[in-house]
């Protein structure tokens, strides 16, 4: 690879037909010397003024900055509230109560019935949908238990301050 500059252009054969003519560069030969390959690529990027990072226009930077700021602040607030309200503990307690109210013992039979329909769907997706439907059917129970647990948390907090 003495002349690593693959320059080409259109030429003409004897019959007047246009063909692309260029010098071939064997990049496989650079496998034994990756530093040389990287230097070559970087030199080509410089030749075409492509060696600088692209920074989007001000309007796009500001929009993205506002978006990232909103996400970060929201995640920070969510994390702090989760800790202060002991949200994970509440979620575990309510989840445990709801799980006791929903059975999956008939899932094998339901999947056997589902399989008879010969739909182009994976059994795992069908199972997930069956369980999702059961949980959705208990939405009021979930809300009720969540409200009850929140009320217990408030009662405990107000009792602790007395």
C-alpha atoms as a PDB file:
ATOM      1  CA  UNK A   1       0.000   0.000   0.000  1.00  0.00           C
ATOM      2  CA  UNK A   2       2.617   2.487  -1.064  1.00  0.00           C
ATOM      3  CA  UNK A   3       0.048   4.820  -2.596  1.00  0.00           C
ATOM      4  CA  UNK A   4      -3.033   4.446  -0.422  1.00  0.00           C
ATOM      5  CA  UNK A   5      -5.037   7.129  -2.176  1.00  0.00           C
ATOM      6  CA  UNK A   6      -7.845   5.433  -4.117  1.00  0.00           C
ATOM      7  CA  UNK A   7      -8.570   8.041  -6.757  1.00  0.00           C
ATOM      8  CA  UNK A   8     -10.824   7.201  -9.613  1.00  0.00           C
ATOM      9  CA  UNK A   9     -12.931   8.599 -12.375  1.00  0.00           C
ATOM     10  CA  UNK A  10     -14.719   7.696 -15.577  1.00  0.00           C
ATOM     11  CA  UNK A  11     -12.762   6.691 -18.590  1.00  0.00           C
ATOM     12  CA  UNK A  12     -13.743   5.245 -21.950  1.00  0.00           C
ATOM     13  CA  UNK A  13     -13.045   1.909 -23.510  1.00  0.00           C
ATOM     14  CA  UNK A  14     -12.062   1.605 -27.137  1.00  0.00           C
ATOM     15  CA  UNK A  15     -15.714   1.148 -28.094  1.00  0.00           C
ATOM     16  CA  UNK A  16     -16.657   4.454 -26.434  1.00  0.00           C
ATOM     17  CA  UNK A  17     -18.346   2.798 -23.465  1.00  0.00           C
ATOM     18  CA  UNK A  18     -17.811   4.650 -20.149  1.00  0.00           C
ATOM     19  CA  UNK A  19     -16.159   2.665 -17.351  1.00  0.00           C
ATOM     20  CA  UNK A  20     -15.063   3.642 -13.879  1.00  0.00           C
ATOM     21  CA  UNK A  21     -11.308   3.526 -13.497  1.00  0.00           C
ATOM     22  CA  UNK A  22      -9.560   3.633 -10.157  1.00  0.00           C
ATOM     23  CA  UNK A  23      -6.601   2.361  -8.206  1.00  0.00           C
ATOM     24  CA  UNK A  24      -7.341  -0.508  -5.906  1.00  0.00           C
ATOM     25  CA  UNK A  25      -6.404  -0.265  -2.259  1.00  0.00           C
ATOM     26  CA  UNK A  26      -5.997  -3.544  -0.395  1.00  0.00           C
ATOM     27  CA  UNK A  27      -7.328  -2.741   3.059  1.00  0.00           C
ATOM     28  CA  UNK A  28      -6.816  -6.331   4.232  1.00  0.00           C
ATOM     29  CA  UNK A  29      -3.098  -5.659   4.075  1.00  0.00           C
ATOM     30  CA  UNK A  30      -3.565  -3.117   6.859  1.00  0.00           C
ATOM     31  CA  UNK A  31      -4.939  -5.707   9.278  1.00  0.00           C
ATOM     32  CA  UNK A  32      -1.450  -6.340  10.596  1.00  0.00           C
ATOM     33  CA  UNK A  33      -0.948  -2.602  11.194  1.00  0.00           C
ATOM     34  CA  UNK A  34      -4.192  -1.053  12.538  1.00  0.00           C
ATOM     35  CA  UNK A  35      -2.423   2.178  13.544  1.00  0.00           C
ATOM     36  CA  UNK A  36      -1.453   2.721   9.925  1.00  0.00           C
ATOM     37  CA  UNK A  37      -5.034   2.084   8.805  1.00  0.00           C
ATOM     38  CA  UNK A  38      -6.433   4.535  11.359  1.00  0.00           C
ATOM     39  CA  UNK A  39      -3.883   7.147  10.263  1.00  0.00           C
ATOM     40  CA  UNK A  40      -4.902   6.613   6.645  1.00  0.00           C
ATOM     41  CA  UNK A  41      -8.630   6.967   7.439  1.00  0.00           C
ATOM     42  CA  UNK A  42      -7.986  10.089   9.504  1.00  0.00           C
ATOM     43  CA  UNK A  43      -5.926  11.621   6.695  1.00  0.00           C
ATOM     44  CA  UNK A  44      -8.797  11.012   4.251  1.00  0.00           C
ATOM     45  CA  UNK A  45     -11.249  12.609   6.687  1.00  0.00           C
ATOM     46  CA  UNK A  46      -8.961  15.647   6.920  1.00  0.00           C
ATOM     47  CA  UNK A  47      -8.633  15.831   3.126  1.00  0.00           C
ATOM     48  CA  UNK A  48     -12.406  16.259   2.875  1.00  0.00           C
ATOM     49  CA  UNK A  49     -12.810  18.476   5.977  1.00  0.00           C
ATOM     50  CA  UNK A  50     -14.642  15.726   7.829  1.00  0.00           C
ATOM     51  CA  UNK A  51     -12.307  15.552  10.813  1.00  0.00           C
ATOM     52  CA  UNK A  52     -14.323  17.775  13.168  1.00  0.00           C
ATOM     53  CA  UNK A  53     -17.243  16.760  15.322  1.00  0.00           C
ATOM     54  CA  UNK A  54     -20.635  17.906  14.169  1.00  0.00           C
ATOM     55  CA  UNK A  55     -22.401  20.215  16.584  1.00  0.00           C
ATOM     56  CA  UNK A  56     -26.067  20.732  15.742  1.00  0.00           C
ATOM     57  CA  UNK A  57     -27.531  24.234  15.433  1.00  0.00           C
ATOM     58  CA  UNK A  58     -28.370  26.256  18.572  1.00  0.00           C
ATOM     59  CA  UNK A  59     -32.112  25.566  18.356  1.00  0.00           C
ATOM     60  CA  UNK A  60     -31.558  21.800  18.336  1.00  0.00           C
ATOM     61  CA  UNK A  61     -29.028  22.028  21.200  1.00  0.00           C
ATOM     62  CA  UNK A  62     -31.503  24.016  23.289  1.00  0.00           C
ATOM     63  CA  UNK A  63     -34.388  21.638  22.572  1.00  0.00           C
ATOM     64  CA  UNK A  64     -32.272  18.627  23.487  1.00  0.00           C
ATOM     65  CA  UNK A  65     -30.918  20.381  26.578  1.00  0.00           C
ATOM     66  CA  UNK A  66     -34.440  21.155  27.791  1.00  0.00           C
ATOM     67  CA  UNK A  67     -35.523  17.588  27.131  1.00  0.00           C
ATOM     68  CA  UNK A  68     -32.568  16.086  29.007  1.00  0.00           C
ATOM     69  CA  UNK A  69     -33.032  18.575  31.858  1.00  0.00           C
ATOM     70  CA  UNK A  70     -36.697  17.630  32.191  1.00  0.00           C
ATOM     71  CA  UNK A  71     -35.886  13.916  32.240  1.00  0.00           C
ATOM     72  CA  UNK A  72     -33.088  14.319  34.785  1.00  0.00           C
ATOM     73  CA  UNK A  73     -35.129  16.500  37.121  1.00  0.00           C
ATOM     74  CA  UNK A  74     -38.122  14.171  36.865  1.00  0.00           C
ATOM     75  CA  UNK A  75     -35.961  11.111  37.582  1.00  0.00           C
ATOM     76  CA  UNK A  76     -34.341  12.851  40.560  1.00  0.00           C
ATOM     77  CA  UNK A  77     -37.691  13.908  41.992  1.00  0.00           C
ATOM     78  CA  UNK A  78     -39.136  10.441  41.384  1.00  0.00           C
ATOM     79  CA  UNK A  79     -36.182   8.835  43.143  1.00  0.00           C
ATOM     80  CA  UNK A  80     -36.362  11.179  46.123  1.00  0.00           C
ATOM     81  CA  UNK A  81     -40.122  10.755  46.501  1.00  0.00           C
ATOM     82  CA  UNK A  82     -39.739   7.008  46.165  1.00  0.00           C
ATOM     83  CA  UNK A  83     -37.295   6.990  49.059  1.00  0.00           C
ATOM     84  CA  UNK A  84     -39.258   9.418  51.232  1.00  0.00           C
ATOM     85  CA  UNK A  85     -42.573   7.638  50.685  1.00  0.00           C
ATOM     86  CA  UNK A  86     -40.987   4.179  50.897  1.00  0.00           C
ATOM     87  CA  UNK A  87     -42.570   3.465  47.531  1.00  0.00           C
ATOM     88  CA  UNK A  88     -40.712   0.211  46.904  1.00  0.00           C
ATOM     89  CA  UNK A  89     -41.956  -1.202  50.195  1.00  0.00           C
ATOM     90  CA  UNK A  90     -45.515  -0.188  49.323  1.00  0.00           C
ATOM     91  CA  UNK A  91     -45.223  -1.731  45.854  1.00  0.00           C
ATOM     92  CA  UNK A  92     -43.971  -5.016  47.304  1.00  0.00           C
ATOM     93  CA  UNK A  93     -46.788  -5.195  49.850  1.00  0.00           C
ATOM     94  CA  UNK A  94     -49.551  -4.387  47.361  1.00  0.00           C
ATOM     95  CA  UNK A  95     -48.032  -6.723  44.761  1.00  0.00           C
ATOM     96  CA  UNK A  96     -47.950  -9.573  47.280  1.00  0.00           C
ATOM     97  CA  UNK A  97     -51.621  -9.001  48.142  1.00  0.00           C
ATOM     98  CA  UNK A  98     -52.725  -8.807  44.500  1.00  0.00           C
ATOM     99  CA  UNK A  99     -50.722 -11.885  43.485  1.00  0.00           C
ATOM    100  CA  UNK A 100     -52.657 -13.912  46.058  1.00  0.00           C
ATOM    101  CA  UNK A 101     -55.897 -12.875  44.337  1.00  0.00           C
ATOM    102  CA  UNK A 102     -54.888 -13.897  40.801  1.00  0.00           C
ATOM    103  CA  UNK A 103     -54.440 -17.540  39.870  1.00  0.00           C
ATOM    104  CA  UNK A 104     -52.330 -18.902  37.045  1.00  0.00           C
ATOM    105  CA  UNK A 105     -53.058 -22.573  37.789  1.00  0.00           C
ATOM    106  CA  UNK A 106     -55.220 -22.870  34.668  1.00  0.00           C
ATOM    107  CA  UNK A 107     -52.601 -21.350  32.340  1.00  0.00           C
ATOM    108  CA  UNK A 108     -51.443 -24.739  30.974  1.00  0.00           C
ATOM    109  CA  UNK A 109     -55.026 -25.597  29.965  1.00  0.00           C
ATOM    110  CA  UNK A 110     -55.571 -22.113  28.526  1.00  0.00           C
ATOM    111  CA  UNK A 111     -52.373 -22.434  26.486  1.00  0.00           C
ATOM    112  CA  UNK A 112     -53.482 -25.849  25.227  1.00  0.00           C
ATOM    113  CA  UNK A 113     -56.744 -24.257  24.017  1.00  0.00           C
ATOM    114  CA  UNK A 114     -54.783 -21.365  22.498  1.00  0.00           C
ATOM    115  CA  UNK A 115     -52.494 -23.798  20.639  1.00  0.00           C
ATOM    116  CA  UNK A 116     -55.472 -25.341  18.832  1.00  0.00           C
ATOM    117  CA  UNK A 117     -56.090 -22.046  17.019  1.00  0.00           C
ATOM    118  CA  UNK A 118     -52.715 -22.290  15.200  1.00  0.00           C
ATOM    119  CA  UNK A 119     -52.092 -18.528  15.288  1.00  0.00           C
ATOM    120  CA  UNK A 120     -48.628 -17.310  14.239  1.00  0.00           C
ATOM    121  CA  UNK A 121     -47.757 -16.254  17.782  1.00  0.00           C
ATOM    122  CA  UNK A 122     -45.172 -17.517  20.273  1.00  0.00           C
ATOM    123  CA  UNK A 123     -46.569 -19.290  23.316  1.00  0.00           C
ATOM    124  CA  UNK A 124     -44.691 -16.886  25.615  1.00  0.00           C
ATOM    125  CA  UNK A 125     -46.497 -13.919  24.065  1.00  0.00           C
ATOM    126  CA  UNK A 126     -49.833 -15.675  24.485  1.00  0.00           C
ATOM    127  CA  UNK A 127     -49.041 -16.454  28.123  1.00  0.00           C
ATOM    128  CA  UNK A 128     -48.017 -12.848  28.788  1.00  0.00           C
ATOM    129  CA  UNK A 129     -51.273 -11.606  27.264  1.00  0.00           C
ATOM    130  CA  UNK A 130     -53.335 -14.039  29.370  1.00  0.00           C
ATOM    131  CA  UNK A 131     -51.621 -12.849  32.553  1.00  0.00           C
ATOM    132  CA  UNK A 132     -51.896  -9.180  31.501  1.00  0.00           C
ATOM    133  CA  UNK A 133     -55.648  -9.635  31.015  1.00  0.00           C
ATOM    134  CA  UNK A 134     -55.998 -11.150  34.484  1.00  0.00           C
ATOM    135  CA  UNK A 135     -54.083  -8.279  36.055  1.00  0.00           C
ATOM    136  CA  UNK A 136     -56.145  -5.722  34.101  1.00  0.00           C
ATOM    137  CA  UNK A 137     -59.323  -7.378  35.386  1.00  0.00           C
ATOM    138  CA  UNK A 138     -58.088  -6.683  38.932  1.00  0.00           C
ATOM    139  CA  UNK A 139     -57.324  -2.987  38.313  1.00  0.00           C
ATOM    140  CA  UNK A 140     -59.910  -1.819  40.862  1.00  0.00           C
ATOM    141  CA  UNK A 141     -58.485  -4.206  43.463  1.00  0.00           C
ATOM    142  CA  UNK A 142     -54.985  -2.852  42.810  1.00  0.00           C
ATOM    143  CA  UNK A 143     -56.178   0.753  43.172  1.00  0.00           C
ATOM    144  CA  UNK A 144     -58.082  -0.071  46.354  1.00  0.00           C
ATOM    145  CA  UNK A 145     -55.133  -1.847  47.971  1.00  0.00           C
ATOM    146  CA  UNK A 146     -52.772   0.950  46.887  1.00  0.00           C
ATOM    147  CA  UNK A 147     -55.053   3.601  48.410  1.00  0.00           C
ATOM    148  CA  UNK A 148     -55.326   1.578  51.607  1.00  0.00           C
ATOM    149  CA  UNK A 149     -51.528   1.262  51.844  1.00  0.00           C
ATOM    150  CA  UNK A 150     -51.055   4.996  51.206  1.00  0.00           C
ATOM    151  CA  UNK A 151     -53.577   5.797  53.926  1.00  0.00           C
ATOM    152  CA  UNK A 152     -51.716   3.491  56.326  1.00  0.00           C
ATOM    153  CA  UNK A 153     -48.490   5.282  55.468  1.00  0.00           C
ATOM    154  CA  UNK A 154     -50.091   8.685  56.129  1.00  0.00           C
ATOM    155  CA  UNK A 155     -51.622   7.523  59.399  1.00  0.00           C
ATOM    156  CA  UNK A 156     -48.252   6.179  60.475  1.00  0.00           C
ATOM    157  CA  UNK A 157     -46.494   9.409  59.531  1.00  0.00           C
ATOM    158  CA  UNK A 158     -49.007  11.622  61.315  1.00  0.00           C
ATOM    159  CA  UNK A 159     -48.927   9.360  64.372  1.00  0.00           C
ATOM    160  CA  UNK A 160     -45.143   9.494  64.475  1.00  0.00           C
ATOM    161  CA  UNK A 161     -45.192  13.304  64.668  1.00  0.00           C
ATOM    162  CA  UNK A 162     -47.464  13.439  67.734  1.00  0.00           C
END
